[in-house]
Every structure is written in structure tokens, then in C-alpha cells.
Protein backbone atom coordinates (compact mmCIF):
# COMPACT_ATOMS: atom_id res chain seq x y z
CA UNK A 1 0.25 -0.04 0.21
CA UNK A 2 2.83 2.38 0.74
CA UNK A 3 4.04 2.24 -2.76
CA UNK A 4 0.45 3.07 -4.00
CA UNK A 5 0.04 6.11 -1.84
CA UNK A 6 3.66 7.07 -3.07
CA UNK A 7 2.37 7.49 -6.77
CA UNK A 8 -0.72 9.58 -5.94
CA UNK A 9 1.30 12.71 -5.89
CA UNK A 10 2.52 12.26 -9.24
CA UNK A 11 -0.91 11.26 -10.66
CA UNK A 12 -2.73 14.27 -9.34
CA UNK A 13 -0.10 16.79 -9.97
CA UNK A 14 0.35 19.45 -12.56
CA UNK A 15 1.99 20.05 -15.64
CA UNK A 16 3.10 22.79 -17.71
CA UNK A 17 0.16 24.96 -18.74
CA UNK A 18 0.02 26.78 -21.93
CA UNK A 19 1.86 26.05 -25.06
CA UNK A 20 5.69 26.14 -24.91
CA UNK A 21 8.42 25.86 -27.67
CA UNK A 22 9.20 22.29 -28.00
CA UNK A 23 12.63 22.48 -26.38
CA UNK A 24 13.75 18.90 -25.13
CA UNK A 25 11.83 16.06 -25.93
CA UNK A 26 9.59 14.58 -23.28
CA UNK A 27 10.07 10.92 -24.60
CA UNK A 28 10.96 8.58 -27.36
CA UNK A 29 8.77 6.49 -29.39
CA UNK A 30 10.13 2.86 -28.32
CA UNK A 31 7.51 0.98 -30.08
CA UNK A 32 4.71 0.95 -32.60
CA UNK A 33 1.97 -1.52 -32.64
CA UNK A 34 -0.57 -2.25 -35.31
CA UNK A 35 -3.79 -4.55 -34.96
CA UNK A 36 -4.63 -5.46 -38.24
CA UNK A 37 -7.87 -7.72 -36.92
CA UNK A 38 -9.93 -6.03 -34.49
CA UNK A 39 -8.95 -8.02 -30.64
CA UNK A 40 -6.45 -10.54 -32.31
CA UNK A 41 -2.81 -9.98 -31.69
CA UNK A 42 -0.83 -6.77 -32.85
CA UNK A 43 2.31 -6.57 -34.95
CA UNK A 44 5.30 -4.62 -33.81
CA UNK A 45 6.51 -2.66 -36.53
CA UNK A 46 9.75 -0.43 -36.96
CA UNK A 47 7.51 2.57 -38.74
CA UNK A 48 3.60 3.38 -39.59
CA UNK A 49 2.43 5.68 -42.31
CA UNK A 50 -0.62 7.76 -40.64
CA UNK A 51 -3.85 7.56 -42.98
CA UNK A 52 -7.02 9.66 -42.69
CA UNK A 53 -8.41 6.63 -40.13
CA UNK A 54 -5.36 6.32 -38.03
CA UNK A 55 -2.39 3.94 -38.60
CA UNK A 56 -2.50 2.26 -41.82
CA UNK A 57 -3.74 -1.49 -41.43
CA UNK A 58 -4.90 -0.60 -38.00
CA UNK A 59 -8.15 -2.50 -37.30
CA UNK A 60 -8.90 -2.53 -41.14
CA UNK A 61 -10.14 -6.19 -40.47
CA UNK A 62 -13.36 -7.24 -38.04
CA UNK A 63 -14.45 -10.69 -37.28
CA UNK A 64 -18.30 -10.80 -37.09
CA UNK A 65 -20.99 -13.52 -36.08
CA UNK A 66 -23.96 -14.73 -38.06
CA UNK A 67 -25.41 -11.25 -37.26
CA UNK A 68 -22.88 -8.85 -38.61
CA UNK A 69 -22.11 -8.11 -34.74
CA UNK A 70 -18.34 -8.00 -33.80
CA UNK A 71 -16.34 -10.40 -32.18
CA UNK A 72 -14.12 -9.36 -29.55
CA UNK A 73 -11.86 -10.57 -26.74
CA UNK A 74 -14.68 -9.29 -24.38
CA UNK A 75 -16.70 -12.38 -25.18
CA UNK A 76 -14.02 -14.37 -27.08
CA UNK A 77 -10.89 -14.56 -25.11
CA UNK A 78 -9.03 -16.94 -27.38
CA UNK A 79 -9.04 -14.07 -30.11
CA UNK A 80 -5.77 -13.01 -28.00
CA UNK A 81 -3.89 -16.36 -29.51
CA UNK A 82 -4.82 -15.34 -33.23
CA UNK A 83 -1.69 -14.11 -34.56
CA UNK A 84 -1.37 -11.92 -38.10
CA UNK A 85 1.19 -10.88 -40.38
CA UNK A 86 1.40 -8.68 -43.00
CA UNK A 87 4.15 -8.19 -45.85
CA UNK A 88 7.16 -6.16 -44.21
CA UNK A 89 6.68 -3.49 -46.99
CA UNK A 90 3.36 -2.98 -46.01
CA UNK A 91 4.53 -0.14 -43.74
CA UNK A 92 6.68 1.52 -46.21
CA UNK A 93 5.10 4.76 -47.57
CA UNK A 94 2.94 4.69 -50.58
CA UNK A 95 3.13 0.63 -51.38
CA UNK A 96 0.37 -0.68 -52.73
CA UNK A 97 -0.59 -4.51 -52.59
CA UNK A 98 0.37 -6.86 -55.25
CA UNK A 99 -1.66 -9.94 -56.43
CA UNK A 100 0.49 -12.20 -54.12
CA UNK A 101 0.23 -10.04 -51.01
CA UNK A 102 -1.32 -11.70 -48.04
CA UNK A 103 -2.60 -10.95 -44.72
CA UNK A 104 -1.51 -14.59 -42.92
CA UNK A 105 -3.25 -15.73 -39.79
CA UNK A 106 -2.37 -18.57 -37.58
CA UNK A 107 -3.95 -20.01 -34.49
CA UNK A 108 -3.40 -22.86 -32.22
CA UNK A 109 -4.84 -26.17 -33.98
CA UNK A 110 -5.59 -24.52 -37.27
CA UNK A 111 -3.79 -24.38 -40.70
CA UNK A 112 -2.40 -21.17 -41.59
CA UNK A 113 -5.09 -18.80 -43.69
CA UNK A 114 -3.91 -16.56 -46.03
CA UNK A 115 -6.03 -13.62 -47.17
CA UNK A 116 -5.26 -11.86 -50.38
CA UNK A 117 -4.72 -7.84 -49.88
CA UNK A 118 -5.40 -7.21 -53.63
CA UNK A 119 -8.54 -9.52 -54.25
CA UNK A 120 -11.91 -8.35 -55.52
CA UNK A 121 -14.33 -8.93 -52.56
CA UNK A 122 -18.23 -8.39 -52.35
CA UNK A 123 -19.81 -6.57 -49.99
CA UNK A 124 -21.82 -7.79 -46.82
CA UNK A 125 -24.39 -5.77 -45.60
CA UNK A 126 -25.48 -5.09 -42.13
CA UNK A 127 -22.12 -5.20 -40.44
CA UNK A 128 -22.18 -3.09 -36.95
CA UNK A 129 -19.86 -2.10 -34.26
CA UNK A 130 -20.95 -0.21 -31.36
CA UNK A 131 -22.72 2.59 -32.58
CA UNK A 132 -21.99 2.29 -36.37
CA UNK A 133 -23.73 0.30 -38.91
CA UNK A 134 -23.08 -0.05 -42.59
CA UNK A 135 -21.28 -2.35 -45.36
CA UNK A 136 -17.72 -4.10 -45.40
CA UNK A 137 -15.84 -6.22 -47.68
CA UNK A 138 -16.77 -10.29 -47.06
CA UNK A 139 -13.41 -12.07 -47.02
CA UNK A 140 -15.05 -15.20 -48.42
CA UNK A 141 -15.69 -18.54 -47.64
CA UNK A 142 -12.41 -19.89 -47.01
CA UNK A 143 -11.81 -16.97 -44.15
CA UNK A 144 -15.47 -17.41 -42.63
CA UNK A 145 -14.58 -21.41 -42.60
CA UNK A 146 -11.48 -20.80 -40.99
CA UNK A 147 -13.15 -18.48 -38.29
CA UNK A 148 -15.99 -20.80 -37.73
CA UNK A 149 -14.16 -23.94 -36.89
CA UNK A 150 -11.98 -21.53 -34.54
CA UNK A 151 -14.91 -20.18 -32.76
CA UNK A 152 -17.25 -23.30 -33.22
CA UNK A 153 -20.18 -21.19 -34.05
CA UNK A 154 -20.43 -19.29 -37.49
CA UNK A 155 -18.16 -16.23 -38.30
CA UNK A 156 -17.23 -13.97 -41.32
CA UNK A 157 -14.02 -12.08 -41.58
CA UNK A 158 -15.09 -8.35 -43.07
CA UNK A 159 -12.73 -5.60 -44.03
CA UNK A 160 -13.71 -1.81 -43.60
CA UNK A 161 -14.65 -0.23 -46.82
CA UNK A 162 -12.55 2.80 -47.11
CA UNK A 163 -14.48 4.27 -49.70
CA UNK A 164 -17.61 4.50 -48.99
CA UNK A 165 -18.19 3.82 -45.33
CA UNK A 166 -17.52 6.79 -42.73
CA UNK A 167 -17.11 6.11 -38.99
CA UNK A 168 -16.69 9.34 -37.38
CA UNK A 169 -15.17 10.11 -33.96
CA UNK A 170 -17.20 11.37 -30.99
CA UNK A 171 -17.49 14.69 -31.81
CA UNK A 172 -17.69 15.69 -28.24
CA UNK A 173 -13.73 15.05 -28.12
CA UNK A 174 -12.45 15.13 -31.57
CA UNK A 175 -15.14 16.41 -34.30
CA UNK A 176 -14.03 15.93 -38.04
CA UNK A 177 -11.93 12.83 -37.54
CA UNK A 178 -12.64 9.41 -38.65
CA UNK A 179 -11.95 5.79 -37.80
CA UNK A 180 -12.11 1.84 -39.29
CA UNK A 181 -12.79 -0.88 -36.65
CA UNK A 182 -11.06 0.83 -33.55
CA UNK A 183 -13.24 1.39 -30.60
CA UNK A 184 -13.71 5.09 -30.51
CA UNK A 185 -10.46 7.26 -31.61
CA UNK A 186 -7.70 6.78 -34.26
CA UNK A 187 -4.40 6.17 -31.85
CA UNK A 188 -3.91 5.14 -28.25
CA UNK A 189 -0.58 6.19 -26.58
CA UNK A 190 0.81 4.95 -23.47
CA UNK A 191 4.42 4.90 -21.83
CA UNK A 192 6.76 2.32 -20.62
CA UNK A 193 7.29 3.95 -17.46
CA UNK A 194 3.50 3.64 -16.48
CA UNK A 195 3.48 -0.23 -17.01
CA UNK A 196 6.60 -0.25 -15.04
CA UNK A 197 5.13 1.73 -12.41
CA UNK A 198 1.97 -0.63 -12.67
CA UNK A 199 4.35 -3.68 -12.39
CA UNK A 200 5.90 -2.65 -9.13
CA UNK A 201 2.31 -3.22 -7.38
CA UNK A 202 1.53 -6.51 -9.25
CA UNK A 203 2.65 -9.87 -7.87
CA UNK A 204 2.85 -11.24 -11.67
CA UNK A 205 4.02 -8.17 -13.93
CA UNK A 206 2.03 -8.00 -17.35
CA UNK A 207 2.90 -7.12 -20.73
CA UNK A 208 1.93 -3.84 -22.43
CA UNK A 209 0.05 -6.22 -24.95
CA UNK A 210 -3.00 -6.13 -22.28
CA UNK A 211 -3.46 -2.39 -23.08
CA UNK A 212 -3.15 -2.52 -26.82
CA UNK A 213 -1.50 0.87 -27.48
CA UNK A 214 -0.56 1.95 -31.03
CA UNK A 215 2.55 4.15 -29.65
CA UNK A 216 4.30 3.12 -26.73
CA UNK A 217 6.81 5.87 -25.51
CA UNK A 218 9.71 5.72 -23.04
CA UNK A 219 11.65 8.01 -21.24
CA UNK A 220 8.73 9.95 -19.32
CA UNK A 221 7.52 9.94 -15.79
CA UNK A 222 4.83 7.43 -15.47
CA UNK A 223 1.47 8.47 -16.19
CA UNK A 224 2.78 11.87 -17.49
CA UNK A 225 0.82 11.19 -20.88
CA UNK A 226 -2.47 11.69 -18.84
CA UNK A 227 -1.46 15.33 -19.27
CA UNK A 228 -0.18 15.58 -22.78
CA UNK A 229 -2.78 17.76 -24.61
CA UNK A 230 -0.56 18.39 -27.83
CA UNK A 231 2.76 16.72 -28.53
CA UNK A 232 4.71 16.58 -31.85
CA UNK A 233 6.11 13.51 -33.27
CA UNK A 234 8.43 13.55 -36.41
CA UNK A 235 6.13 16.24 -38.45
CA UNK A 236 2.93 15.21 -36.87
CA UNK A 237 1.01 17.34 -34.60
CA UNK A 238 -1.26 14.86 -32.42
CA UNK A 239 -3.84 16.10 -29.73
CA UNK A 240 -4.95 14.51 -26.88
CA UNK A 241 -8.66 13.91 -26.62
CA UNK A 242 -9.70 11.44 -24.16
CA UNK A 243 -7.95 9.33 -20.88
CA UNK A 244 -8.44 5.57 -21.84
CA UNK A 245 -11.09 3.45 -19.63
CA UNK A 246 -10.22 0.29 -19.81
CA UNK A 247 -12.68 -2.50 -20.23
CA UNK A 248 -12.20 -6.18 -19.06
CA UNK A 249 -9.43 -7.08 -21.80
CA UNK A 250 -6.43 -5.95 -19.62
CA UNK A 251 -7.60 -9.09 -17.58
CA UNK A 252 -7.06 -11.44 -20.22
CA UNK A 253 -3.81 -13.18 -20.15
CA UNK A 254 -2.42 -12.82 -23.77
CA UNK A 255 -0.15 -15.82 -23.86
CA UNK A 256 -3.07 -18.02 -22.69
CA UNK A 257 -6.42 -16.59 -23.97
CA UNK A 258 -8.06 -16.49 -20.31
CA UNK A 259 -9.40 -14.05 -17.92
CA UNK A 260 -8.29 -13.00 -14.71
CA UNK A 261 -8.67 -10.15 -12.23
CA UNK A 262 -5.34 -8.39 -12.91
CA UNK A 263 -4.20 -5.69 -13.47
CA UNK A 264 -7.76 -4.35 -13.01
CA UNK A 265 -8.17 -5.23 -8.95
CA UNK A 266 -4.96 -3.39 -8.33
CA UNK A 267 -5.67 -0.51 -10.69
CA UNK A 268 -8.74 0.48 -8.81
CA UNK A 269 -6.47 1.36 -5.64
CA UNK A 270 -4.85 4.44 -7.58
CA UNK A 271 -5.82 4.47 -11.42
CA UNK A 272 -9.43 4.86 -10.77
CA UNK A 273 -11.70 7.87 -11.68
CA UNK A 274 -12.39 8.04 -7.72
CA UNK A 275 -8.61 8.52 -7.33
CA UNK A 276 -7.51 10.61 -10.24
CA UNK A 277 -10.47 12.28 -11.10
CA UNK A 278 -12.45 12.98 -8.15
CA UNK A 279 -14.66 15.36 -9.73
CA UNK A 280 -15.66 12.86 -12.06
CA UNK A 281 -18.92 10.73 -11.73
CA UNK A 282 -17.48 7.78 -12.87
CA UNK A 283 -15.75 6.76 -9.71
CA UNK A 284 -15.06 2.69 -10.72
CA UNK A 285 -13.46 3.48 -14.17
CA UNK A 286 -9.76 2.53 -14.34
CA UNK A 287 -7.81 4.48 -16.61
CA UNK A 288 -4.46 3.58 -18.51
CA UNK A 289 -3.03 5.46 -21.50
CA UNK A 290 -4.53 8.51 -23.80
CA UNK A 291 -6.59 8.27 -26.85
CA UNK A 292 -5.14 10.96 -29.58
CA UNK A 293 -6.12 12.14 -33.13
CA UNK A 294 -3.41 13.72 -35.96
CA UNK A 295 -4.25 16.90 -37.19
CA UNK A 296 -2.63 16.21 -40.58
CA UNK A 297 -4.75 13.09 -40.91
CA UNK A 298 -7.44 15.26 -42.25
CA UNK A 299 -5.46 17.12 -44.82
CA UNK A 300 -5.04 16.02 -48.50
CA UNK A 301 -1.36 15.69 -48.13
CA UNK A 302 -0.20 11.79 -48.59
CA UNK A 303 3.84 11.99 -48.08
CA UNK A 304 5.61 12.49 -45.03
CA UNK A 305 2.49 11.55 -42.55
CA UNK A 306 4.99 8.72 -40.93
CA UNK A 307 5.81 7.83 -37.29
CA UNK A 308 8.97 5.76 -36.42
CA UNK A 309 10.48 3.91 -33.45
CA UNK A 310 13.23 6.37 -32.03
CA UNK A 311 11.06 9.39 -32.92
CA UNK A 312 11.44 12.24 -30.27
CA UNK A 313 7.89 13.13 -28.58
CA UNK A 314 7.81 16.88 -27.75
CA UNK A 315 5.12 18.15 -25.70
CA UNK A 316 3.79 21.31 -26.70
CA UNK A 317 0.84 21.77 -24.37
CA UNK A 318 -0.34 19.89 -21.12
CA UNK A 319 -3.56 19.85 -19.03
CA UNK A 320 -3.16 21.28 -15.50
CA UNK A 321 -4.00 17.61 -13.96
CA UNK A 322 -5.51 14.21 -14.76
CA UNK A 323 -8.78 15.78 -12.93
CA UNK A 324 -9.00 18.45 -15.77
CA UNK A 325 -8.25 16.14 -18.88
CA UNK A 326 -11.09 14.91 -20.68
CA UNK A 327 -12.35 11.27 -19.94
């Protein structure tokens, strides 16, 4: 408990208010993580182009049931065991798939599935994800049979139809941005310092894959990313739009695909709304990481919008405290 108390001053403390010159970087991009199929394992990449929907390939695919509703780890924790692979060059700027380019999918006890990236696909209507419903590309019978066999019930793999479908972000937090099959916002940032601080309190340390960020940074104080309002990475400007409150996915062992109680049980003692956001009505939510949007993602420019491992992170503007950050 003493360790918990020792963190509270930093969690509720202030940051630099107002806009300042970049100066020294606050952190460095340590990892970039892309999750091509929603709720399946992510891939760590050295760089990722930014599109109008977020990082290219991130949550571009979704597994749906017979009614077109999403399958996620919240209900199917064994999705954590599904590995995906894209061609390494898929994360180069301007790369376009060839007829031989595939999304490769593997899972325990299953044959390898290859889904062509450039094939023509039929459209499946009545696909829905939380507040959105629309049409998506159907990845076909072979993929449907593979996922149906893995889950033991009718399932299909669909791909977001960027040409015609629009899923806007919540305009109360970020107006004018759009996403594919992510939950709420295009990017999620977290820090290694925050993970290390959490693991000091746990009997069994957890990996960052429990929290599924897109950008993992290192070199900053634990939970300082809570306060980042405006930051610069490479030539791109990101805005912090909402602290990320966590569902039960962080309690799923990503190596075994089974539920537990940690780290949420411990996080309730020092990362709940009751502790870090005392004016908030959501007392029992726990927070880890912050959702971002990228200002340049809405422009017509298609060159130079890229984030790389090793990029410095400059914090230009902060919120005074976590209690005043949007959540």
C-alpha cells in the first residue's frame, strides 16, 4: 500500500500549462503496434504511415458473427491467440499490394490462413460495431470457414470499406476525424514508465499487450501521458482527446487467452476515477493511456505522414492535472 500512496502525488499533480516551444523531448517512441484484425494479436513495426483513419492497416479487419455483430476478446478471449502477419513492406509509405500480397493468420490447432490483400471482394451489408452500422468487404468462404471452426460457431472476416463508409469519432471529444474498426479514436498512446510503475505493484507483471496501445513511448515519468494535450512526433501534431478507460480486456492473459482479475483489481486502488478524477461521476472506471487524433490526418497531403520507432516526442501543451483532462 505504501507504493500506491507514493504514486498519488504524481498522478494528481500538474504539468506545464499553456503552449511552449518544443525544447527537449519529453519521451521517445519505443514501439509502434498495429492490430490488423480487431481483438487479435498486434504486430510491432519499425514505422507506420498515418492515413485519414489512423495508422495504415490498424483494425482494418473485423470478425463478425452470423448477425454481423463484432467478435472481440470481451466475449471470445481466445482471440488473443490469433497471430497476424503483413508483408514488411506494407508499412512503407506509398506501398500498394500486389496480387501475391496476403494477410497471414495463424492460431493454435489451425492451418495457416492467407487472405489476399488485392483481391476483389463482395460487399456484406448489416455489419455493425457499437454505434455504427454499414457495409464491409466480405473476405470470403475460406476465411469464414476458418474462423467458424476456430470459434465453433458461424463467423466471417470482413474488411472496412474505406471508399464508401464513414465512422466518425465522438464529436464531443474530436470533431471531424474518422476511424475504421477501432473502438473510439484513431490512436492510443501509453508509456513504458506507466507500465513499469504498475508492475511494481503486481505480484505477476503484465506486458503492454494487455493495454493494446498504438504508440508506446519511453523516457517519461509514469502516467505523464495523462496530461499531454498537444504533442509533436516527427512532423505530425497529435492532440490528446480522452483518457482511456479500460474494459475487461486488460484482465485477459494474452499468452493463454483466459480471464483473470489483474491488473484491474490493483489499478482500482490508484488509477480509478475516484483517485485520479475526483470530480468525475465515473468513480470505478480505471484509466491507462490516452486516446489521440492527428491533425494532419484530415489533410489531402499523403507524403511525410509517418511515425518511426526512435522519434522524439515533444510535448507542446499539457492539461493542469488528470482531473481536468477529458475522460
